Structures are given as structure tokens and as C-alpha cells.
Amino acid sequence: MKNIVQIDADFVEKNTDFPNLIADLEKMFANKELLVPMRHHHDFPNPEVGLESTLLLMPAWNPGKEAGVKIATVSPANGKFDLPAIQAIYIYLDALKGSIKAIIEAKSLTVKRTAAASALASKYLSRRDSKSLLMIGTGALSPNLIKAHASVRPLEQVYVWGRNFDKAKAICEGLSEEDFKITPIKNIEDKISEVDIISSATLSSTPLVLGQYLRPGQHVDLVGAYRTDMREADDDAIRKSEVFVDTYAGGLKESGDIVIPLKTGILTEKDIKADLFLMATNKHTGRSDDKQITLFKSVGHALEDLAAATHYYNLFKK
């Protein structure tokens, strides 16, 4: 244990440069040598709060080089205990020898890599001149998604909506020194039709992004709704959009935003245009014209964790 590096949340927070992290993610998605099995997904009951928690095990290997596994729990009722919904640890390994190289606090790691993945997708899918963003949700992901999107597009105006308006105001206050204007709003429909990018990161079981408000040229980034019984976008939004996912393996099976429309026939597998693997290897260009509505669904992938762990481990060793 003496030689195992420990990387805490403070290091991750202080050493995050989204353009560099996004570039490292893109390289990993283009790496054909990586081995990433389907993540283990186990729900278990919590009678005390009446909501299930989820245990996620996410391994990945870059043969002969690095490997790792994330152990995460998602407990939607943790607000009652003043704790974050997601808690996690990442075990970073030497893929050749099997030895542990580092233990990384993975809540921060997950937040950063998730935001970076959405920004990578936005690089392919949002219009290059996108200047405004609506952030739906006020969790730990929200400020990171805002900053990540702002690193790939020239954002000038950001709006933040949350069920708790005070939390929306707090996010805006925390980002008041950024290069864009940021404003809390009380109603999604007040701004959703005006913005270029809509990013949603919630645990909602009912849609918040409604297709009736979408207009040509927008990009929709769906990051929450990690279970098959959760949704952030309605059927109309799916119908009106060109749909993309982070990975086919996870996207087709894990989130209600894709699974439910597939079951009801609103969406077919052929309708899903590409994933990040295809876009990172230039097999699909992403957005093809400025009038398309593009929709990206992120469910998370162990490749992203390995890319981020390698990124922060290398920074720490320097």
C-alpha cells in the first residue's frame, strides 16, 4: 500500500482543464485497442427511504498499459441525509502487472469526465456559433457541464433552472466570474426555445425537455435519467431530433430516454445516428446542417473513467 498514490477531490478540482481533458477522452474513444465490458448494474432496496439505490462496477483495460475499475453507488434519496446522490472510488491499475497504481476519489472524477464527454459530443453536434445554453438541474454536474460546454463553444449567455430556485441562484453566483453572463430562471419554457444548447442533468422520472418548445438548430444534451424508468425528454423531442449516444452498448439498454421510445416504437435502433466511437474515428461527422435538432444521450462509460484516471494520474506524477 505504501507505493499506491491517493488522489483526492481537491486535486481533481484544482487541476481540471476541460480542453485537455476533452482531448484525452477523444483519443481514448479513437483507440481501437481498449477493452470495455458492459458495466455491472445492480439495484438494491432501501426500505427506510422507499427508493432503490444502484451499485455500478465499471472496468476497462488498455492492454499492456493501464486498467481500472470504478465502484459507484447512486442513492437518489441522499438529499435527506445531506449527502450527494453519487459516491464512488476508482482503482487505477498497471494492466501488465495487475498492481494498483492509484486510488482516486471518483465522485469528482465522474463529474469531470461526464461533463467532458458531453462537451466532446457538443463539439460534433452543436452549431459552431452556439452562444447560449440552458442548464436544467442544480447538482454537482451542472457547473461542470456549463464550463465544459463553454470550453468548446463561444457561450455568451447561460440560464440555470432547478426545482430549488435558491440552488439555481447559488450556481450562478459561483460562476459569476466566468466569461459569460449567467442567470437563474424559474420556468424552463421561458428560455428553452431561445437557447442554442440545452443541457439536462437530473434524476427526473418525468420529461423536462419537451419537444413542443424545440426549434431548428438546437442541440440537446441529456446527462441524467440513468435508469430505464427515468426520462428527461419526451417523445416529441425524440421525434424531432437526430439522436446520438455516448455508446451503443449502454445507450440502448440503460436510460429511459432511449429505452422507452425504443419499446413504444417512437424510435428504432437504426434511427440512432452514431456514438462517440464513430465520431471520434471520423466515421460519422455528427451534425450535417444548421437546421437539425441534435440530441445526445449520455449514460456514462468505463472508457471515460479510464481516460480521466490516466489524465489525472499523469498530472499528479508530474
Foldseek 3Di string as FASTA:
>chain_A
DVQAAEAELVLLVVPDDLVVLLVLLLVLLQDPQKDWDDKDWDWDDDVVQGDIKIWIWTWMDNAQAKIKIKTKMAQPPCVVVVDHRIFIKMFIAGNVPGDTHYIYRCVSLVLQLLLSLLLNLCLQAADQAFAEEEEEALDPNRLNNVVNVVVRHVHAEYEYEYPDQVSSVVSQVVCVPDNHHYYYDHACLVPVLPGQEYEYADCALDADAELVSHFFQHEYEYEHQFALRRYHYDLNNVLQAQEEEQDPVRQCPTGVNRVVCCVVVSDDPVSNDYHSSCCSNVVDRHDDDRGGYYYYYYNDHSSSSNSSVVVSSVVVVD
